[in-house]
């Protein structure tokens, strides 16, 4: 390339840069936080309120009360959060795998740059939220054994004092009182008024149950209300109401709604009544029923009394037939006494005869005293002879042993050695036997013993 061409290229590049600087402004540089903030503003301004359908996963209820989870389908997932102020209104508890529809806002969690849905409303897909809450609480309490028939108490057959927890202005209280007036006027009735519909109903019912439990002489308690929608009767599906019924020391009859309506209170109560009127009929026996029962018991008692009297009369006749006059009884006893005396005398005679026979046999075996003495003398003579023979044998044995021992001693005697030409040398004063010349001293007097006799000598030379 020539110098002219190089110059031309350089000038052209400078001109292009100057033109670019004139056409484009200098680019804006964001920090990470600023970028996330801008994105958040754009998303919130663009979307506003959204509805999202998805399956809950990674559900984590925080100790603060907030719910953190993800919503997913078969293609993607998105993070979501539901703060305590909104989730406290839920009638059910979210759980993994539950498909829901949520309403909320799209936003960005700036510290991590994650976009998520701020949920303000949630409802299960398919079954409604109330039905889902009902099923969850039912499964929970059933697992605790609160529906078991074994823990439920029987109602008293004739309650004197009946407690009622319901609205004081509703139709349920009038239905209950009408039935009690017709069937069981003698019973006392105590009403613990409660709100049975709305947000405050559950707490009101719990307070009323606890209040009426402080009345000592109440025998049975009716808790309920008239019919309505599931939303109207929802307070009887609240967990705190169910646990208050379980904790009641008074047997509880649940009377909520109509025959087809079932609530959690029905399952935990000691008895379920289909309606408030039916609850009153279960609790209070009809006066006519009581009269019929009394008449039936009276008839059964009379029949039992007649049967008992007939049996006693029959037993009395039998005893009369078996009874004997005292005189005849005494005669029988006298005759029996005579028989016993005769048997006793015969037994004594037999015993004496047996003893005489035994004495005779013994006498025959023993013989006369002379014979006895003769036999004893012979036995003594034989014994003396045996003893003499034994003494002689013993003496011979002892003599033989003595001779044997003497022979052994004689064989071991030192005198036997001396008889063979040896002598025993002793120190004359001490009788010490000299075994070696080293034991001698010059001038020492010795005694020498021979087989026959002994002699003295003095040491002259060693």
Protein backbone atom coordinates (compact mmCIF):
# COMPACT_ATOMS: atom_id res chain seq x y z
CA UNK A 1 0.00 0.00 0.00
CA UNK A 2 1.31 3.47 -0.87
CA UNK A 3 1.78 6.29 1.61
CA UNK A 4 -1.12 8.21 0.03
CA UNK A 5 -3.47 5.28 0.52
CA UNK A 6 -2.43 4.84 4.19
CA UNK A 7 -3.02 8.49 4.88
CA UNK A 8 -6.41 8.31 3.26
CA UNK A 9 -7.44 5.30 5.41
CA UNK A 10 -6.34 6.95 8.63
CA UNK A 11 -8.21 10.16 7.88
CA UNK A 12 -11.33 8.16 7.02
CA UNK A 13 -11.26 6.24 10.38
CA UNK A 14 -10.91 9.49 12.34
CA UNK A 15 -13.82 10.95 10.51
CA UNK A 16 -15.96 7.86 11.18
CA UNK A 17 -15.30 8.00 14.99
CA UNK A 18 -16.18 11.67 15.08
CA UNK A 19 -19.39 10.98 13.20
CA UNK A 20 -20.27 8.05 15.60
CA UNK A 21 -19.73 10.24 18.63
CA UNK A 22 -22.01 12.85 17.15
CA UNK A 23 -24.73 10.29 16.24
CA UNK A 24 -24.76 8.08 19.48
CA UNK A 25 -25.00 9.34 23.07
CA UNK A 26 -22.68 7.88 25.69
CA UNK A 27 -24.24 4.48 27.02
CA UNK A 28 -25.87 4.33 30.48
CA UNK A 29 -24.09 1.97 32.94
CA UNK A 30 -26.29 0.44 35.71
CA UNK A 31 -25.22 -1.11 38.96
CA UNK A 32 -26.71 -4.54 39.69
CA UNK A 33 -29.09 -3.11 42.29
CA UNK A 34 -30.18 -0.31 39.94
CA UNK A 35 -30.78 -2.82 37.16
CA UNK A 36 -32.95 -5.04 39.41
CA UNK A 37 -34.85 -1.97 40.60
CA UNK A 38 -35.54 -0.83 37.05
CA UNK A 39 -36.69 -4.31 36.06
CA UNK A 40 -38.97 -4.43 39.09
CA UNK A 41 -40.56 -1.09 38.19
CA UNK A 42 -41.04 -2.22 34.60
CA UNK A 43 -42.63 -5.57 35.61
CA UNK A 44 -44.92 -4.08 38.25
CA UNK A 45 -45.95 -1.28 35.90
CA UNK A 46 -46.51 -3.62 32.99
CA UNK A 47 -48.46 -6.43 34.66
CA UNK A 48 -50.32 -5.14 37.71
CA UNK A 49 -52.68 -7.91 39.00
CA UNK A 50 -52.31 -11.41 37.49
CA UNK A 51 -53.99 -14.80 37.93
CA UNK A 52 -51.75 -17.86 37.80
CA UNK A 53 -52.62 -21.54 37.83
CA UNK A 54 -50.01 -24.12 38.82
CA UNK A 55 -48.94 -26.93 41.14
CA UNK A 56 -47.34 -26.06 44.49
CA UNK A 57 -43.80 -27.36 45.04
CA UNK A 58 -40.98 -26.61 47.49
CA UNK A 59 -43.55 -25.33 49.98
CA UNK A 60 -41.87 -23.82 53.08
CA UNK A 61 -43.88 -22.15 55.86
CA UNK A 62 -41.49 -19.74 57.58
CA UNK A 63 -41.45 -19.12 61.34
CA UNK A 64 -42.49 -15.54 60.56
CA UNK A 65 -45.78 -16.92 59.20
CA UNK A 66 -45.00 -16.26 55.52
CA UNK A 67 -45.35 -19.00 52.88
CA UNK A 68 -42.57 -19.50 50.31
CA UNK A 69 -43.16 -21.90 47.41
CA UNK A 70 -43.01 -22.40 43.65
CA UNK A 71 -45.77 -22.73 41.09
CA UNK A 72 -45.02 -25.12 38.26
CA UNK A 73 -46.57 -26.84 35.28
CA UNK A 74 -45.14 -29.30 32.78
CA UNK A 75 -43.11 -26.55 31.05
CA UNK A 76 -41.76 -24.14 33.68
CA UNK A 77 -41.94 -22.86 37.25
CA UNK A 78 -42.01 -19.50 39.00
CA UNK A 79 -41.21 -18.48 42.59
CA UNK A 80 -44.05 -17.25 44.78
CA UNK A 81 -44.55 -15.84 48.25
CA UNK A 82 -47.68 -15.28 50.34
CA UNK A 83 -47.23 -13.07 53.36
CA UNK A 84 -48.85 -13.74 56.70
CA UNK A 85 -51.44 -11.00 56.33
CA UNK A 86 -52.90 -12.78 53.30
CA UNK A 87 -52.37 -16.47 54.16
CA UNK A 88 -54.09 -16.08 57.55
CA UNK A 89 -57.37 -15.77 55.62
CA UNK A 90 -56.96 -19.15 53.91
CA UNK A 91 -59.44 -21.84 54.93
CA UNK A 92 -56.99 -24.60 53.99
CA UNK A 93 -53.26 -25.20 54.31
CA UNK A 94 -51.23 -25.31 51.09
CA UNK A 95 -49.13 -28.41 50.51
CA UNK A 96 -46.82 -29.81 47.86
CA UNK A 97 -48.59 -31.31 44.86
CA UNK A 98 -51.77 -29.25 45.34
CA UNK A 99 -52.94 -27.47 42.16
CA UNK A 100 -54.12 -23.94 42.93
CA UNK A 101 -55.14 -20.67 41.31
CA UNK A 102 -53.50 -17.58 42.82
CA UNK A 103 -54.07 -13.88 42.37
CA UNK A 104 -51.23 -11.46 42.90
CA UNK A 105 -48.60 -9.18 41.47
CA UNK A 106 -45.41 -9.80 39.51
CA UNK A 107 -42.38 -8.30 41.21
CA UNK A 108 -38.63 -8.76 41.59
CA UNK A 109 -36.80 -9.69 44.75
CA UNK A 110 -33.96 -7.22 44.21
CA UNK A 111 -31.23 -8.77 46.47
CA UNK A 112 -31.17 -11.89 44.28
CA UNK A 113 -32.64 -10.61 41.07
CA UNK A 114 -35.41 -13.26 41.08
CA UNK A 115 -38.83 -12.36 39.84
CA UNK A 116 -41.75 -13.87 41.77
CA UNK A 117 -45.46 -13.69 42.33
CA UNK A 118 -46.72 -11.88 45.44
CA UNK A 119 -49.89 -13.90 46.16
CA UNK A 120 -52.88 -12.19 47.75
CA UNK A 121 -55.49 -14.89 47.12
CA UNK A 122 -55.32 -18.67 46.68
CA UNK A 123 -57.91 -21.36 45.99
CA UNK A 124 -57.51 -25.06 45.14
CA UNK A 125 -58.38 -26.19 41.66
CA UNK A 126 -61.36 -28.55 41.66
CA UNK A 127 -62.62 -28.76 45.28
CA UNK A 128 -63.23 -25.38 46.85
CA UNK A 129 -61.05 -23.95 49.58
CA UNK A 130 -63.61 -24.69 52.28
CA UNK A 131 -64.00 -28.29 51.16
CA UNK A 132 -60.21 -28.70 51.06
CA UNK A 133 -59.89 -27.24 54.56
CA UNK A 134 -62.65 -29.57 55.76
CA UNK A 135 -60.88 -32.65 54.36
CA UNK A 136 -57.50 -31.62 55.79
CA UNK A 137 -58.83 -31.01 59.30
CA UNK A 138 -60.90 -34.19 59.20
CA UNK A 139 -57.85 -36.26 58.27
CA UNK A 140 -55.76 -34.59 60.99
CA UNK A 141 -58.26 -35.12 63.82
CA UNK A 142 -59.03 -38.65 62.66
CA UNK A 143 -55.33 -39.49 62.80
CA UNK A 144 -55.31 -38.25 66.42
CA UNK A 145 -58.12 -40.69 67.27
CA UNK A 146 -60.71 -38.00 68.07
CA UNK A 147 -63.36 -39.73 65.95
CA UNK A 148 -62.96 -43.10 67.69
CA UNK A 149 -66.16 -44.46 69.19
CA UNK A 150 -64.23 -45.77 72.20
CA UNK A 151 -63.53 -42.26 73.52
CA UNK A 152 -67.14 -41.10 73.19
CA UNK A 153 -69.40 -41.09 76.25
CA UNK A 154 -73.01 -42.30 76.48
CA UNK A 155 -75.73 -39.76 77.20
CA UNK A 156 -77.42 -39.87 80.61
CA UNK A 157 -80.84 -41.59 80.29
CA UNK A 158 -82.71 -38.97 82.34
CA UNK A 159 -80.81 -35.66 82.45
CA UNK A 160 -82.08 -33.18 85.01
CA UNK A 161 -80.13 -30.20 83.69
CA UNK A 162 -79.58 -29.63 79.95
CA UNK A 163 -77.10 -27.08 78.55
CA UNK A 164 -77.44 -25.46 75.12
CA UNK A 165 -74.87 -23.52 73.09
CA UNK A 166 -76.48 -21.71 70.16
CA UNK A 167 -77.75 -18.31 69.09
CA UNK A 168 -80.42 -16.95 71.46
CA UNK A 169 -82.32 -15.41 68.53
CA UNK A 170 -82.18 -18.26 66.02
CA UNK A 171 -84.80 -20.83 65.14
CA UNK A 172 -82.69 -23.66 66.61
CA UNK A 173 -83.21 -22.59 70.23
CA UNK A 174 -86.99 -22.33 69.72
CA UNK A 175 -87.12 -25.80 68.14
CA UNK A 176 -85.16 -27.30 71.03
CA UNK A 177 -87.28 -25.61 73.70
CA UNK A 178 -90.53 -26.65 72.02
CA UNK A 179 -89.46 -30.29 71.99
CA UNK A 180 -88.35 -30.14 75.64
CA UNK A 181 -91.64 -28.53 76.74
CA UNK A 182 -93.60 -31.24 74.98
CA UNK A 183 -91.52 -34.24 76.05
CA UNK A 184 -89.60 -33.38 79.21
CA UNK A 185 -90.96 -30.47 81.23
CA UNK A 186 -89.12 -31.47 84.41
CA UNK A 187 -85.67 -30.75 82.95
CA UNK A 188 -83.85 -27.48 83.68
CA UNK A 189 -82.37 -25.70 80.67
CA UNK A 190 -79.37 -23.35 80.64
CA UNK A 191 -78.48 -21.42 77.49
CA UNK A 192 -74.95 -20.17 76.82
CA UNK A 193 -75.54 -17.70 73.96
CA UNK A 194 -73.06 -17.76 71.10
CA UNK A 195 -72.58 -16.28 67.67
CA UNK A 196 -73.00 -19.13 65.18
CA UNK A 197 -72.15 -17.38 61.92
CA UNK A 198 -69.33 -15.11 60.76
CA UNK A 199 -65.67 -14.54 61.54
CA UNK A 200 -66.18 -14.27 65.31
CA UNK A 201 -68.43 -17.34 65.58
CA UNK A 202 -65.71 -19.91 66.32
CA UNK A 203 -64.30 -17.96 69.25
CA UNK A 204 -67.80 -17.26 70.56
CA UNK A 205 -68.75 -20.97 70.46
CA UNK A 206 -65.53 -22.00 72.21
CA UNK A 207 -66.11 -19.40 74.96
CA UNK A 208 -69.72 -20.58 75.42
CA UNK A 209 -68.68 -24.27 75.71
CA UNK A 210 -66.01 -23.39 78.28
CA UNK A 211 -68.49 -21.21 80.19
CA UNK A 212 -71.19 -23.87 80.42
CA UNK A 213 -68.61 -26.45 81.53
CA UNK A 214 -68.11 -24.37 84.67
CA UNK A 215 -71.72 -25.10 85.71
CA UNK A 216 -71.35 -28.17 87.91
CA UNK A 217 -74.72 -29.96 87.62
CA UNK A 218 -75.29 -29.92 83.84
CA UNK A 219 -75.77 -33.49 82.58
CA UNK A 220 -75.68 -33.07 78.79
CA UNK A 221 -74.84 -30.29 76.33
CA UNK A 222 -76.40 -29.52 72.91
CA UNK A 223 -74.20 -27.49 70.54
CA UNK A 224 -75.58 -26.43 67.17
CA UNK A 225 -77.57 -24.14 64.90
CA UNK A 226 -80.09 -24.34 62.08
CA UNK A 227 -79.36 -25.01 58.44
CA UNK A 228 -77.53 -22.80 55.97
CA UNK A 229 -74.75 -22.73 53.43
CA UNK A 230 -71.34 -24.26 54.09
CA UNK A 231 -70.03 -20.75 54.63
CA UNK A 232 -72.74 -20.04 57.21
CA UNK A 233 -71.97 -23.23 59.16
CA UNK A 234 -68.20 -23.05 58.72
CA UNK A 235 -67.55 -22.10 62.35
CA UNK A 236 -68.46 -25.70 63.29
CA UNK A 237 -65.61 -26.89 61.04
CA UNK A 238 -62.99 -24.84 62.89
CA UNK A 239 -60.30 -26.81 64.74
CA UNK A 240 -60.62 -24.80 67.94
CA UNK A 241 -64.36 -25.56 68.12
CA UNK A 242 -63.67 -29.28 67.61
CA UNK A 243 -61.06 -29.33 70.36
CA UNK A 244 -63.37 -27.43 72.73
CA UNK A 245 -66.02 -30.14 72.20
CA UNK A 246 -63.44 -32.88 72.84
CA UNK A 247 -62.24 -31.13 76.02
CA UNK A 248 -65.79 -30.76 77.40
CA UNK A 249 -66.36 -32.69 80.61
CA UNK A 250 -70.07 -32.81 79.70
CA UNK A 251 -71.27 -35.24 77.00
CA UNK A 252 -71.92 -33.21 73.84
CA UNK A 253 -74.63 -33.65 71.21
CA UNK A 254 -73.82 -31.94 67.91
CA UNK A 255 -76.92 -30.53 66.14
CA UNK A 256 -75.81 -28.52 63.12
CA UNK A 257 -77.93 -27.87 60.06
CA UNK A 258 -80.06 -30.53 58.39
CA UNK A 259 -79.82 -34.28 57.86
CA UNK A 260 -77.46 -33.96 54.89
CA UNK A 261 -75.11 -31.49 56.58
CA UNK A 262 -71.96 -32.88 58.17
CA UNK A 263 -69.40 -30.83 60.11
CA UNK A 264 -66.23 -31.58 62.03
CA UNK A 265 -68.24 -30.97 65.22
CA UNK A 266 -70.46 -33.94 64.28
CA UNK A 267 -67.46 -36.27 64.09
CA UNK A 268 -65.88 -35.30 67.44
CA UNK A 269 -69.11 -34.97 69.45
CA UNK A 270 -70.29 -37.83 71.63
CA UNK A 271 -73.46 -38.05 69.53
CA UNK A 272 -74.60 -36.46 66.27
CA UNK A 273 -78.19 -35.34 65.79
CA UNK A 274 -79.43 -34.53 62.28
CA UNK A 275 -81.25 -31.39 63.45
CA UNK A 276 -81.59 -29.32 66.65
CA UNK A 277 -85.09 -30.75 67.18
CA UNK A 278 -83.75 -34.29 66.84
CA UNK A 279 -81.04 -33.44 69.38
CA UNK A 280 -83.73 -32.43 71.89
CA UNK A 281 -85.60 -35.67 71.23
CA UNK A 282 -82.43 -37.72 71.76
CA UNK A 283 -81.63 -35.95 75.01
CA UNK A 284 -85.13 -35.79 76.50
CA UNK A 285 -87.20 -38.91 76.76
CA UNK A 286 -90.90 -38.50 75.98
CA UNK A 287 -93.25 -38.48 78.96
CA UNK A 288 -95.40 -41.05 77.16
CA UNK A 289 -92.36 -43.24 76.58
CA UNK A 290 -91.46 -42.99 80.24
CA UNK A 291 -95.00 -43.91 81.32
CA UNK A 292 -95.01 -46.89 78.94
CA UNK A 293 -91.65 -47.98 80.25
CA UNK A 294 -92.83 -47.65 83.87
CA UNK A 295 -95.97 -49.68 83.10
CA UNK A 296 -93.85 -52.32 81.38
CA UNK A 297 -91.46 -52.48 84.32
CA UNK A 298 -94.45 -52.66 86.70
CA UNK A 299 -95.93 -55.59 84.78
CA UNK A 300 -92.59 -57.38 84.67
CA UNK A 301 -92.14 -56.79 88.41
CA UNK A 302 -95.62 -58.15 89.17
CA UNK A 303 -94.99 -61.24 87.05
CA UNK A 304 -91.66 -61.80 88.76
CA UNK A 305 -93.35 -61.37 92.18
CA UNK A 306 -96.08 -63.87 91.33
CA UNK A 307 -93.53 -66.36 90.05
CA UNK A 308 -91.47 -65.93 93.21
CA UNK A 309 -94.51 -66.43 95.44
CA UNK A 310 -95.55 -69.56 93.50
CA UNK A 311 -92.06 -71.01 93.82
CA UNK A 312 -91.94 -70.22 97.55
CA UNK A 313 -95.37 -71.86 98.09
CA UNK A 314 -94.18 -74.96 96.26
CA UNK A 315 -91.03 -75.12 98.36
CA UNK A 316 -93.12 -74.66 101.53
CA UNK A 317 -95.39 -77.59 100.62
CA UNK A 318 -92.35 -79.74 99.95
CA UNK A 319 -90.86 -78.84 103.32
CA UNK A 320 -94.17 -79.65 105.06
CA UNK A 321 -94.20 -83.08 103.46
CA UNK A 322 -90.64 -83.72 104.54
CA UNK A 323 -91.19 -82.41 108.09
CA UNK A 324 -91.49 -85.16 110.86
CA UNK A 325 -93.16 -84.71 114.27
CA UNK A 326 -90.72 -83.99 117.16
CA UNK A 327 -91.82 -87.15 119.05
CA UNK A 328 -91.14 -89.36 116.04
CA UNK A 329 -87.86 -87.57 115.54
CA UNK A 330 -86.85 -88.22 119.16
CA UNK A 331 -87.80 -91.88 118.85
CA UNK A 332 -85.66 -92.21 115.76
CA UNK A 333 -82.76 -90.55 117.54
CA UNK A 334 -83.18 -92.84 120.59
CA UNK A 335 -83.19 -95.89 118.33
CA UNK A 336 -80.11 -94.65 116.55
CA UNK A 337 -78.45 -93.96 119.91
CA UNK A 338 -79.13 -97.53 121.01
CA UNK A 339 -77.66 -98.84 117.76
CA UNK A 340 -74.54 -96.76 118.25
CA UNK A 341 -74.15 -97.93 121.87
CA UNK A 342 -74.51 -101.57 120.76
CA UNK A 343 -71.95 -101.08 118.02
CA UNK A 344 -69.61 -99.42 120.52
CA UNK A 345 -69.95 -102.26 123.04
CA UNK A 346 -69.31 -104.84 120.32
CA UNK A 347 -66.26 -102.90 119.18
CA UNK A 348 -64.91 -102.79 122.77
CA UNK A 349 -65.41 -106.56 123.21
CA UNK A 350 -63.69 -107.25 119.91
CA UNK A 351 -60.78 -105.05 120.96
CA UNK A 352 -60.42 -106.77 124.35
CA UNK A 353 -60.59 -110.21 122.75
CA UNK A 354 -57.92 -109.21 120.27
CA UNK A 355 -55.68 -107.92 123.09
CA UNK A 356 -56.16 -111.19 125.05
CA UNK A 357 -55.24 -113.17 121.98
CA UNK A 358 -52.18 -111.02 121.44
CA UNK A 359 -51.08 -111.46 125.09
CA UNK A 360 -51.51 -115.23 124.78
CA UNK A 361 -49.41 -115.34 121.63
CA UNK A 362 -46.69 -113.23 123.26
CA UNK A 363 -46.78 -115.46 126.35
CA UNK A 364 -46.38 -118.53 124.20
CA UNK A 365 -43.42 -117.00 122.44
CA UNK A 366 -41.76 -115.91 125.69
CA UNK A 367 -42.39 -119.12 127.72
CA UNK A 368 -42.11 -119.45 131.57
CA UNK A 369 -39.65 -117.29 133.56
CA UNK A 370 -37.46 -120.34 134.18
CA UNK A 371 -37.28 -121.02 130.47
CA UNK A 372 -36.59 -117.37 129.79
CA UNK A 373 -33.78 -117.35 132.41
CA UNK A 374 -32.34 -120.57 130.96
CA UNK A 375 -32.34 -119.11 127.45
CA UNK A 376 -30.75 -115.91 128.69
CA UNK A 377 -28.11 -117.88 130.66
CA UNK A 378 -27.21 -119.86 127.55
CA UNK A 379 -27.02 -116.64 125.52
CA UNK A 380 -24.80 -115.11 128.24
CA UNK A 381 -22.54 -118.20 128.28
CA UNK A 382 -22.20 -118.16 124.53
CA UNK A 383 -21.52 -114.44 124.59
CA UNK A 384 -18.81 -114.92 127.30
CA UNK A 385 -17.21 -117.66 125.23
CA UNK A 386 -17.26 -115.47 122.12
CA UNK A 387 -15.77 -112.61 124.09
CA UNK A 388 -13.00 -114.89 125.55
CA UNK A 389 -12.14 -116.23 122.13
CA UNK A 390 -12.08 -112.74 120.72
CA UNK A 391 -9.85 -111.55 123.61
CA UNK A 392 -7.41 -114.45 123.05
CA UNK A 393 -7.29 -113.78 119.30
CA UNK A 394 -6.65 -110.14 120.03
CA UNK A 395 -3.93 -110.98 122.55
CA UNK A 396 -2.21 -113.32 120.12
CA UNK A 397 -2.37 -110.66 117.46
CA UNK A 398 -0.89 -108.06 119.79
CA UNK A 399 1.86 -110.49 120.89
CA UNK A 400 2.72 -111.26 117.29
CA UNK A 401 2.90 -107.57 116.43
CA UNK A 402 5.06 -106.93 119.52
CA UNK A 403 7.53 -109.67 118.59
CA UNK A 404 7.70 -108.40 115.04
CA UNK A 405 8.36 -104.85 116.23
CA UNK A 406 10.97 -106.02 118.75
CA UNK A 407 12.74 -107.97 116.02
CA UNK A 408 12.85 -104.88 113.81
CA UNK A 409 14.13 -102.74 116.71
CA UNK A 410 16.75 -105.34 117.62
CA UNK A 411 17.92 -105.46 114.02
CA UNK A 412 18.33 -101.71 113.99
CA UNK A 413 20.06 -101.57 117.43
CA UNK A 414 23.73 -100.30 117.40
CA UNK A 415 24.59 -103.17 119.75
CA UNK A 416 24.13 -105.53 116.84
CA UNK A 417 26.89 -103.65 115.01
CA UNK A 418 29.15 -103.84 118.08
CA UNK A 419 28.68 -107.62 118.24
CA UNK A 420 30.35 -107.87 114.84
CA UNK A 421 33.65 -106.47 116.32
CA UNK A 422 32.92 -102.79 116.33
CA UNK A 423 32.83 -100.55 119.45
CA UNK A 424 31.22 -97.25 120.37
CA UNK A 425 33.50 -94.46 121.63
CA UNK A 426 31.91 -91.79 123.78
CA UNK A 427 33.20 -88.84 125.82
CA UNK A 428 33.01 -90.04 129.39
CA UNK A 429 31.48 -86.86 130.83
CA UNK A 430 28.97 -86.00 128.10
CA UNK A 431 28.29 -89.40 126.43
CA UNK A 432 28.97 -87.67 123.13
CA UNK A 433 29.67 -90.28 120.44
CA UNK A 434 32.99 -89.74 118.67
CA UNK A 435 32.75 -90.14 114.92
CA UNK A 436 36.13 -88.64 113.91
CA UNK A 437 39.61 -88.18 115.45
CA UNK A 438 39.21 -84.47 114.98
CA UNK A 439 36.58 -84.55 117.72
CA UNK A 440 39.18 -85.76 120.30
CA UNK A 441 41.41 -83.74 122.58
CA UNK A 442 44.69 -84.69 124.25
CA UNK A 443 44.06 -85.93 127.79
CA UNK A 444 40.32 -86.32 127.27
CA UNK A 445 38.74 -89.29 129.12
CA UNK A 446 36.80 -91.65 126.80
CA UNK A 447 34.35 -94.51 127.38
CA UNK A 448 34.56 -97.43 124.98
CA UNK A 449 31.57 -99.77 124.73
CA UNK A 450 32.06 -103.31 123.39
CA UNK A 451 29.58 -106.03 122.60
CA UNK A 452 30.28 -107.35 126.08
CA UNK A 453 31.34 -104.79 128.63
CA UNK A 454 32.99 -101.41 128.34
CA UNK A 455 36.31 -99.72 129.26
CA UNK A 456 37.79 -96.24 129.84
CA UNK A 457 40.76 -94.75 128.08
CA UNK A 458 42.59 -91.42 127.93
CA UNK A 459 43.81 -89.74 124.74
CA UNK A 460 47.58 -89.64 124.66
CA UNK A 461 48.34 -88.74 121.09
CA UNK A 462 46.41 -87.63 118.00
